Amino acid sequence: MAIQTIKVPDIGGAEGVEVIEISVKVGDVIAENDSIVVLETDKASMEIPASVGGKVVAIKVNLGDKVSEGAALIEVEAEGAGVATSATSAEPTPAAAPAPVAAPVAATAPAAVANTAAPAASAEITLTVPDIGGAEGVEVIEISVKVGDEVAQGDSLIVLETDKASMEIPAESAGKILSIAVKVGDKISQGAAIAVIASAGGASATAPAPVAAPAAAVESAPVAAASVAATPAPAPKAAVAEEVAQTGDVYAGPAVRKLARQLGVDLGKISGSGPRSRLLKDDVRNYVKPIVVAAQSGAPMGGGSGIPRVPAVDFAKFGEIETVKMSKIKKITADNMTRNWLNVPHVTQWDDADITDLETFRNSVKAEAEKRGSKLTPLPFILKASAAALVAEPSFNVSLHHDGESIVQKKYVHIGIAVDTPNGLMVPVIRNVDKKGLWELTDEINALAKKAREGKLLPSDMQGGCFTISSLGASGGNGFTPIVNAPEVAILGVSRAQIKPVWNGKEFVPRNLLPLSLSYDHRAINGADAGRFFTYLTAVIADVRKLLL
């Protein structure tokens, strides 16, 4: 028997990468290079292949785990080895039954009645805060009634919340609410007036039956029942109830509510991930985190910086719909596009590059390309021309320094190419484009595009770009406005080439024109820089021989 552990290989230096899919299970027989897990970073998802074939005897990770290079993924009984001893799996320990919640202590008090004479037709009664276990200065978080309401004995009047519990305070008598003595946010203690009611038929001659308040909540140990002091008026004790409090449409415990108050978060806007959609602290933190990150990076989220949110629409009322969860890569792309559009002052210029001669040359070497087993498209020519333009006009090969006071001039020429994949848009980067020939660029484009579509790009494959080319090819229309991929300062959009008549001074002649859209960051690049860059670029594309000069 030979058990081998397959670990996370070199993943480009990425740390804490999330496991989003486990492709095997215990007992599966796998071959070398079969996919075993899928990892996902902020920029790419990647399949991890098996480094050895055999029978899977143990899986060392779970969905959602964060792993880095060298972390154990699975154990395999290698092919050709003896029969492995069956793995001993411990019986799952049954969950301990929850400790019973302390039964509510009914507050009892002798009837405070001076005589047995028939009461008046109605009497005003002040409802006060009963014994709440000695807590002082407890916050009013909700008022459940309004002036004019008819309440029955035991109906909830207000909801109080301490650091450890929230509790409903019930009405000790029935009647009509005449006035309310508290408001949301007030701090009150035992004996404080809550409301005045007009008790129908006057004060009761007997003490009201004790009522358990169903929404008192605790997160730590149950509150011990305190002795009830004899008082001249009934004082029902707020009862201990479930582990969490459910107020209105929000299902959350006191600690979660406290965290939300500290962060200024409206719990009604957060979806709960706990049992029965209960809100957890992590739900609050996950809601706040992107807002904080966006604020730090200067990218408003939703209604930030005075930008109103798009109003919510119930699309189901117009017809059948299906809600599909966005992939992580699509969400990251959406956030990046929003941040780049809001932070970069875009300017876009359009021009047509005459690729008639380029296409003639490209078609002349098609046979040679086929012999090499590759397909030569216009993209390697555009890459090579863009690299030459970045060298000729270095104002485009820069980034703004994060200090806001400097510009970083780059001495290398790395160009990203946007690739449409089943998982979303990815931009692998080809390095040192200015130093490579057309065949080398062709092979590298094809290899990176294949890795992107198969979900095998590493983070390092998409880092370090100086400039980006987004080619829509035959489906590209007549032009578009590409969004600058910050911290780069420019991007080239390539649309669909068309044969058009061009005046040569004597007559109109058919020429193959390629529409180009150049977007740039106006903080780093001015119009004169862009004019020189675009003029050089289109001239080189029109006559690739100029690349030799």
Foldseek 3Di string as FASTA:
>chain_A
DDKDWDWAAAQPPDFQWFWAAAPDDAFDWAAFQCFGTWTDDLFFIATDTHNATAGWQFADDDGGGGGHGPHTGTMGDGPPDDDDDHDDDDDDDDDDDDDDADWWDWFDAWALDPDDDFFDQKDKDWFWAFAAPPDFQWFFAFAPDAAFDWDAFFCFGTWTADLFKIFTDTHQATFGWHFADDDGGGGGHGGHTGTMGIGGRYDDRGGGGGYETAFIAGQDHHRDDDDHDHDSHTGTYHTYYYNWGCDDPATEHSNLVVVCVVVVHDRVVWFAPDVVRHRDNVRVVVVCVVCVVCVVLVQHDACPPNNHHDDDDDCVVVHDDDDDDAFSNVVSVVSQLRRLVVPFPKDKDKDKFFQQVVVVVQVVCQVVQVVVVFGQDCVLLLLQLLQVLCVVQVLQQWFQDPVNPDIGGDPWAKEWEWAQEPNGIHTFIDTRSNPDDSVVVRVVVVVVNVCRNVRRDRPVRRDDHQEYEYEPEAPFPQDDADGDRPSRFKYKYKGYWDWDWDDPPPGTDTTTIIMMMMMGGCVRDPPVSVVSSVVSSSVCSNPVVVSVD
